[in-house]
Amino acid sequence: MSDGLRADARRNYARILAVAEEEVAAHGSGASLEQIARTANVGSATVRRHFPTRRALLEAVSASRIAALCTRAAELTGEDDSRKALLTWLDEVVAYCVSARGLAAALSYDGPTHENSCSAAIEEAGDPLLRRAARDGVVAPEVTVADLITLIVGIVLATEQHPDPAAQAGRLFRLAVAGVTGRT
């Protein structure tokens, strides 16, 4: 957000974002933009001026979670066991995606151009973990962070309606890991 905004515009932005976080947590990525505007006590045009697309809103809602995941990846990079470090981080990505309804959608790709700041940040943060695990021979060298995030997004989206989405997503992710590395 630009520092050049008027004080009322900054307040509107903060209020819209706070309401959007609550609405996305309650209703997922399909949260009503009109409801967000009403609850934030602004017009829908104000919401769209700050967040021209639903993806822009979801990315803003997800920004602090993404930053935490990026920080966590950096912390884990120095761990002795590169496989464990990578899987610990990926488990945390799964957990964040499950708990923050809409985060999986924000990480997913639309079309052939992967123009997505959430995915770009996660890929950049996870790359050192993955490269080290590949160098240690515990992950196939052709696996990319984008592959792993796409796998996680698919699992999370597929389990959203499950009675226990966190447990099911975790189980399916461990199953996928066993298929990729031969062990869980």
C-alpha atoms as a PDB file:
ATOM      1  CA  MET A   1       0.000   0.000   0.000  1.00  0.00           C
ATOM      2  CA  SER A   2       1.354   3.406  -0.966  1.00  0.00           C
ATOM      3  CA  ASP A   3       2.377   5.838   1.746  1.00  0.00           C
ATOM      4  CA  GLY A   4       0.910   8.571  -0.469  1.00  0.00           C
ATOM      5  CA  LEU A   5      -2.649   7.596   0.470  1.00  0.00           C
ATOM      6  CA  ARG A   6      -4.810   9.964   2.441  1.00  0.00           C
ATOM      7  CA  ALA A   7      -5.472   9.023   6.062  1.00  0.00           C
ATOM      8  CA  ASP A   8      -9.073   8.016   5.313  1.00  0.00           C
ATOM      9  CA  ALA A   9      -7.924   5.788   2.458  1.00  0.00           C
ATOM     10  CA  ARG A  10      -5.387   4.092   4.758  1.00  0.00           C
ATOM     11  CA  ARG A  11      -8.111   3.547   7.376  1.00  0.00           C
ATOM     12  CA  ASN A  12     -10.463   2.144   4.713  1.00  0.00           C
ATOM     13  CA  TYR A  13      -7.747  -0.204   3.468  1.00  0.00           C
ATOM     14  CA  ALA A  14      -7.009  -1.467   6.986  1.00  0.00           C
ATOM     15  CA  ARG A  15     -10.715  -1.888   7.804  1.00  0.00           C
ATOM     16  CA  ILE A  16     -11.424  -3.711   4.519  1.00  0.00           C
ATOM     17  CA  LEU A  17      -8.451  -6.008   5.062  1.00  0.00           C
ATOM     18  CA  ALA A  18      -9.472  -6.824   8.653  1.00  0.00           C
ATOM     19  CA  VAL A  19     -13.047  -7.613   7.590  1.00  0.00           C
ATOM     20  CA  ALA A  20     -11.804  -9.613   4.583  1.00  0.00           C
ATOM     21  CA  GLU A  21      -9.596 -11.737   6.856  1.00  0.00           C
ATOM     22  CA  GLU A  22     -12.645 -12.602   8.985  1.00  0.00           C
ATOM     23  CA  GLU A  23     -14.881 -13.257   5.982  1.00  0.00           C
ATOM     24  CA  VAL A  24     -12.306 -15.440   4.206  1.00  0.00           C
ATOM     25  CA  ALA A  25     -11.708 -17.390   7.421  1.00  0.00           C
ATOM     26  CA  ALA A  26     -15.458 -17.945   7.766  1.00  0.00           C
ATOM     27  CA  HIS A  27     -16.474 -18.428   4.130  1.00  0.00           C
ATOM     28  CA  GLY A  28     -13.323 -19.258   2.219  1.00  0.00           C
ATOM     29  CA  SER A  29     -12.033 -17.704  -0.958  1.00  0.00           C
ATOM     30  CA  GLY A  30     -15.576 -17.183  -2.241  1.00  0.00           C
ATOM     31  CA  ALA A  31     -16.372 -14.669   0.520  1.00  0.00           C
ATOM     32  CA  SER A  32     -18.727 -12.005  -0.756  1.00  0.00           C
ATOM     33  CA  LEU A  33     -16.994  -8.767  -1.705  1.00  0.00           C
ATOM     34  CA  GLU A  34     -20.296  -6.976  -1.184  1.00  0.00           C
ATOM     35  CA  GLN A  35     -20.566  -8.377   2.357  1.00  0.00           C
ATOM     36  CA  ILE A  36     -16.991  -7.309   3.034  1.00  0.00           C
ATOM     37  CA  ALA A  37     -17.844  -3.783   1.855  1.00  0.00           C
ATOM     38  CA  ARG A  38     -21.021  -3.635   3.989  1.00  0.00           C
ATOM     39  CA  THR A  39     -19.273  -4.941   7.105  1.00  0.00           C
ATOM     40  CA  ALA A  40     -16.335  -2.555   6.594  1.00  0.00           C
ATOM     41  CA  ASN A  41     -18.858   0.268   6.136  1.00  0.00           C
ATOM     42  CA  VAL A  42     -17.509   1.254   2.719  1.00  0.00           C
ATOM     43  CA  GLY A  43     -18.880   1.056  -0.780  1.00  0.00           C
ATOM     44  CA  SER A  44     -18.087  -1.857  -3.053  1.00  0.00           C
ATOM     45  CA  ALA A  45     -16.228   0.566  -5.350  1.00  0.00           C
ATOM     46  CA  THR A  46     -13.895   1.368  -2.447  1.00  0.00           C
ATOM     47  CA  VAL A  47     -13.160  -2.334  -1.989  1.00  0.00           C
ATOM     48  CA  ARG A  48     -12.458  -2.691  -5.706  1.00  0.00           C
ATOM     49  CA  ARG A  49     -10.286   0.425  -5.769  1.00  0.00           C
ATOM     50  CA  HIS A  50      -8.007  -1.082  -3.100  1.00  0.00           C
ATOM     51  CA  PHE A  51      -8.328  -4.663  -4.377  1.00  0.00           C
ATOM     52  CA  PRO A  52      -9.162  -4.669  -8.095  1.00  0.00           C
ATOM     53  CA  THR A  53      -9.471  -8.474  -8.211  1.00  0.00           C
ATOM     54  CA  ARG A  54     -10.509 -11.207  -5.806  1.00  0.00           C
ATOM     55  CA  ARG A  55      -6.968 -12.613  -6.136  1.00  0.00           C
ATOM     56  CA  ALA A  56      -5.499  -9.266  -5.028  1.00  0.00           C
ATOM     57  CA  LEU A  57      -7.709  -9.359  -1.937  1.00  0.00           C
ATOM     58  CA  LEU A  58      -6.807 -12.987  -1.165  1.00  0.00           C
ATOM     59  CA  GLU A  59      -3.115 -12.224  -1.576  1.00  0.00           C
ATOM     60  CA  ALA A  60      -3.394  -9.260   0.799  1.00  0.00           C
ATOM     61  CA  VAL A  61      -5.269 -11.397   3.341  1.00  0.00           C
ATOM     62  CA  SER A  62      -2.590 -14.069   3.029  1.00  0.00           C
ATOM     63  CA  ALA A  63       0.417 -11.740   3.180  1.00  0.00           C
ATOM     64  CA  SER A  64       1.218 -12.199   6.884  1.00  0.00           C
ATOM     65  CA  ARG A  65       0.833 -15.974   6.659  1.00  0.00           C
ATOM     66  CA  ILE A  66       3.048 -16.067   3.593  1.00  0.00           C
ATOM     67  CA  ALA A  67       5.671 -13.953   5.359  1.00  0.00           C
ATOM     68  CA  ALA A  68       5.614 -16.357   8.326  1.00  0.00           C
ATOM     69  CA  LEU A  69       6.095 -19.335   6.004  1.00  0.00           C
ATOM     70  CA  CYS A  70       8.993 -17.591   4.293  1.00  0.00           C
ATOM     71  CA  THR A  71      10.618 -16.826   7.639  1.00  0.00           C
ATOM     72  CA  ARG A  72      10.127 -20.421   8.723  1.00  0.00           C
ATOM     73  CA  ALA A  73      11.789 -21.727   5.543  1.00  0.00           C
ATOM     74  CA  ALA A  74      14.820 -19.551   6.251  1.00  0.00           C
ATOM     75  CA  GLU A  75      14.978 -20.873   9.831  1.00  0.00           C
ATOM     76  CA  LEU A  76      14.838 -24.486   8.658  1.00  0.00           C
ATOM     77  CA  THR A  77      17.498 -24.034   5.967  1.00  0.00           C
ATOM     78  CA  GLY A  78      20.273 -24.489   8.532  1.00  0.00           C
ATOM     79  CA  GLU A  79      18.935 -27.783   9.946  1.00  0.00           C
ATOM     80  CA  ASP A  80      21.227 -30.823   9.694  1.00  0.00           C
ATOM     81  CA  ASP A  81      18.626 -33.166   8.155  1.00  0.00           C
ATOM     82  CA  SER A  82      17.650 -31.564   4.850  1.00  0.00           C
ATOM     83  CA  ARG A  83      14.808 -34.015   4.217  1.00  0.00           C
ATOM     84  CA  LYS A  84      13.287 -33.416   7.629  1.00  0.00           C
ATOM     85  CA  ALA A  85      13.672 -29.641   7.228  1.00  0.00           C
ATOM     86  CA  LEU A  86      11.919 -29.653   3.845  1.00  0.00           C
ATOM     87  CA  LEU A  87       9.086 -31.909   5.036  1.00  0.00           C
ATOM     88  CA  THR A  88       8.623 -29.898   8.225  1.00  0.00           C
ATOM     89  CA  TRP A  89       8.221 -26.749   6.153  1.00  0.00           C
ATOM     90  CA  LEU A  90       5.890 -28.398   3.647  1.00  0.00           C
ATOM     91  CA  ASP A  91       3.761 -29.756   6.506  1.00  0.00           C
ATOM     92  CA  GLU A  92       3.490 -26.190   7.770  1.00  0.00           C
ATOM     93  CA  VAL A  93       2.478 -24.980   4.306  1.00  0.00           C
ATOM     94  CA  VAL A  94      -0.262 -27.653   4.257  1.00  0.00           C
ATOM     95  CA  ALA A  95      -1.417 -26.638   7.745  1.00  0.00           C
ATOM     96  CA  TYR A  96      -1.539 -22.934   6.818  1.00  0.00           C
ATOM     97  CA  CYS A  97      -3.456 -23.673   3.628  1.00  0.00           C
ATOM     98  CA  VAL A  98      -6.012 -25.797   5.475  1.00  0.00           C
ATOM     99  CA  SER A  99      -6.481 -23.354   8.346  1.00  0.00           C
ATOM    100  CA  ALA A 100      -6.617 -20.218   6.198  1.00  0.00           C
ATOM    101  CA  ARG A 101      -9.496 -20.964   3.904  1.00  0.00           C
ATOM    102  CA  GLY A 102      -8.713 -19.256   0.640  1.00  0.00           C
ATOM    103  CA  LEU A 103      -4.938 -19.462   0.968  1.00  0.00           C
ATOM    104  CA  ALA A 104      -4.822 -22.513  -1.298  1.00  0.00           C
ATOM    105  CA  ALA A 105      -6.752 -20.566  -3.922  1.00  0.00           C
ATOM    106  CA  ALA A 106      -4.360 -17.645  -3.519  1.00  0.00           C
ATOM    107  CA  LEU A 107      -1.419 -19.987  -4.116  1.00  0.00           C
ATOM    108  CA  SER A 108      -2.940 -21.629  -7.171  1.00  0.00           C
ATOM    109  CA  TYR A 109      -2.029 -20.600 -10.677  1.00  0.00           C
ATOM    110  CA  ASP A 110      -4.311 -19.018 -13.241  1.00  0.00           C
ATOM    111  CA  GLY A 111      -3.191 -19.854 -16.723  1.00  0.00           C
ATOM    112  CA  PRO A 112       0.308 -20.203 -18.143  1.00  0.00           C
ATOM    113  CA  THR A 113       1.727 -17.033 -16.573  1.00  0.00           C
ATOM    114  CA  HIS A 114       2.396 -17.706 -12.927  1.00  0.00           C
ATOM    115  CA  GLU A 115       1.809 -14.063 -11.934  1.00  0.00           C
ATOM    116  CA  ASN A 116       1.091 -14.637  -8.274  1.00  0.00           C
ATOM    117  CA  SER A 117       2.984 -12.885  -5.492  1.00  0.00           C
ATOM    118  CA  CYS A 118       2.025 -15.497  -2.872  1.00  0.00           C
ATOM    119  CA  SER A 119       3.310 -18.376  -4.969  1.00  0.00           C
ATOM    120  CA  ALA A 120       6.409 -16.442  -5.986  1.00  0.00           C
ATOM    121  CA  ALA A 121       7.305 -15.706  -2.356  1.00  0.00           C
ATOM    122  CA  ILE A 122       6.702 -19.300  -1.264  1.00  0.00           C
ATOM    123  CA  GLU A 123       8.721 -20.680  -4.181  1.00  0.00           C
ATOM    124  CA  GLU A 124      11.621 -18.352  -3.448  1.00  0.00           C
ATOM    125  CA  ALA A 125      11.559 -19.240   0.259  1.00  0.00           C
ATOM    126  CA  GLY A 126      11.318 -22.992  -0.305  1.00  0.00           C
ATOM    127  CA  ASP A 127      13.913 -23.209  -3.050  1.00  0.00           C
ATOM    128  CA  PRO A 128      16.981 -23.378  -0.753  1.00  0.00           C
ATOM    129  CA  LEU A 129      15.334 -26.160   1.286  1.00  0.00           C
ATOM    130  CA  LEU A 130      14.504 -28.139  -1.849  1.00  0.00           C
ATOM    131  CA  ARG A 131      17.902 -27.583  -3.507  1.00  0.00           C
ATOM    132  CA  ARG A 132      19.676 -28.798  -0.386  1.00  0.00           C
ATOM    133  CA  ALA A 133      17.428 -31.874  -0.117  1.00  0.00           C
ATOM    134  CA  ALA A 134      18.035 -32.645  -3.813  1.00  0.00           C
ATOM    135  CA  ARG A 135      21.794 -32.164  -3.354  1.00  0.00           C
ATOM    136  CA  ASP A 136      21.642 -34.606  -0.413  1.00  0.00           C
ATOM    137  CA  GLY A 137      19.836 -37.108  -2.653  1.00  0.00           C
ATOM    138  CA  VAL A 138      16.644 -37.259  -0.554  1.00  0.00           C
ATOM    139  CA  VAL A 139      14.409 -35.650  -3.191  1.00  0.00           C
ATOM    140  CA  ALA A 140      14.393 -36.332  -6.902  1.00  0.00           C
ATOM    141  CA  PRO A 141      16.408 -33.598  -8.648  1.00  0.00           C
ATOM    142  CA  GLU A 142      13.638 -32.759 -11.113  1.00  0.00           C
ATOM    143  CA  VAL A 143      11.128 -31.860  -8.360  1.00  0.00           C
ATOM    144  CA  THR A 144      10.476 -28.117  -8.087  1.00  0.00           C
ATOM    145  CA  VAL A 145       8.910 -26.030  -5.345  1.00  0.00           C
ATOM    146  CA  ALA A 146       6.171 -25.166  -7.854  1.00  0.00           C
ATOM    147  CA  ASP A 147       5.473 -28.904  -8.209  1.00  0.00           C
ATOM    148  CA  LEU A 148       5.195 -29.300  -4.450  1.00  0.00           C
ATOM    149  CA  ILE A 149       2.977 -26.225  -4.011  1.00  0.00           C
ATOM    150  CA  THR A 150       0.723 -27.395  -6.835  1.00  0.00           C
ATOM    151  CA  LEU A 151       0.450 -30.778  -5.111  1.00  0.00           C
ATOM    152  CA  ILE A 152      -0.390 -29.117  -1.790  1.00  0.00           C
ATOM    153  CA  VAL A 153      -2.962 -26.810  -3.380  1.00  0.00           C
ATOM    154  CA  GLY A 154      -4.635 -29.782  -5.055  1.00  0.00           C
ATOM    155  CA  ILE A 155      -4.740 -31.750  -1.813  1.00  0.00           C
ATOM    156  CA  VAL A 156      -6.087 -28.825   0.213  1.00  0.00           C
ATOM    157  CA  LEU A 157      -8.742 -27.932  -2.345  1.00  0.00           C
ATOM    158  CA  ALA A 158      -9.777 -31.600  -2.619  1.00  0.00           C
ATOM    159  CA  THR A 159     -10.173 -31.949   1.145  1.00  0.00           C
ATOM    160  CA  GLU A 160     -11.900 -28.643   1.998  1.00  0.00           C
ATOM    161  CA  GLN A 161     -15.298 -30.312   2.385  1.00  0.00           C
ATOM    162  CA  HIS A 162     -13.991 -33.321   4.322  1.00  0.00           C
ATOM    163  CA  PRO A 163     -15.274 -33.591   7.930  1.00  0.00           C
ATOM    164  CA  ASP A 164     -11.676 -33.179   9.149  1.00  0.00           C
ATOM    165  CA  PRO A 165      -9.860 -31.367   6.342  1.00  0.00           C
ATOM    166  CA  ALA A 166      -6.603 -30.926   8.283  1.00  0.00           C
ATOM    167  CA  ALA A 167      -6.265 -34.637   9.066  1.00  0.00           C
ATOM    168  CA  GLN A 168      -7.238 -35.686   5.551  1.00  0.00           C
ATOM    169  CA  ALA A 169      -4.927 -33.159   3.887  1.00  0.00           C
ATOM    170  CA  GLY A 170      -2.055 -34.232   6.146  1.00  0.00           C
ATOM    171  CA  ARG A 171      -2.692 -37.901   5.414  1.00  0.00           C
ATOM    172  CA  LEU A 172      -2.820 -37.339   1.655  1.00  0.00           C
ATOM    173  CA  PHE A 173       0.313 -35.209   1.746  1.00  0.00           C
ATOM    174  CA  ARG A 174       2.207 -37.938   3.648  1.00  0.00           C
ATOM    175  CA  LEU A 175       0.951 -40.421   1.055  1.00  0.00           C
ATOM    176  CA  ALA A 176       2.263 -38.223  -1.732  1.00  0.00           C
ATOM    177  CA  VAL A 177       5.622 -37.819   0.055  1.00  0.00           C
ATOM    178  CA  ALA A 178       5.939 -41.577   0.391  1.00  0.00           C
ATOM    179  CA  GLY A 179       5.401 -41.811  -3.348  1.00  0.00           C
ATOM    180  CA  VAL A 180       8.023 -39.149  -4.078  1.00  0.00           C
ATOM    181  CA  THR A 181      10.737 -40.252  -1.653  1.00  0.00           C
ATOM    182  CA  GLY A 182       9.766 -43.838  -0.853  1.00  0.00           C
ATOM    183  CA  ARG A 183       9.288 -43.030   2.837  1.00  0.00           C
ATOM    184  CA  THR A 184       7.123 -40.752   4.960  1.00  0.00           C
END
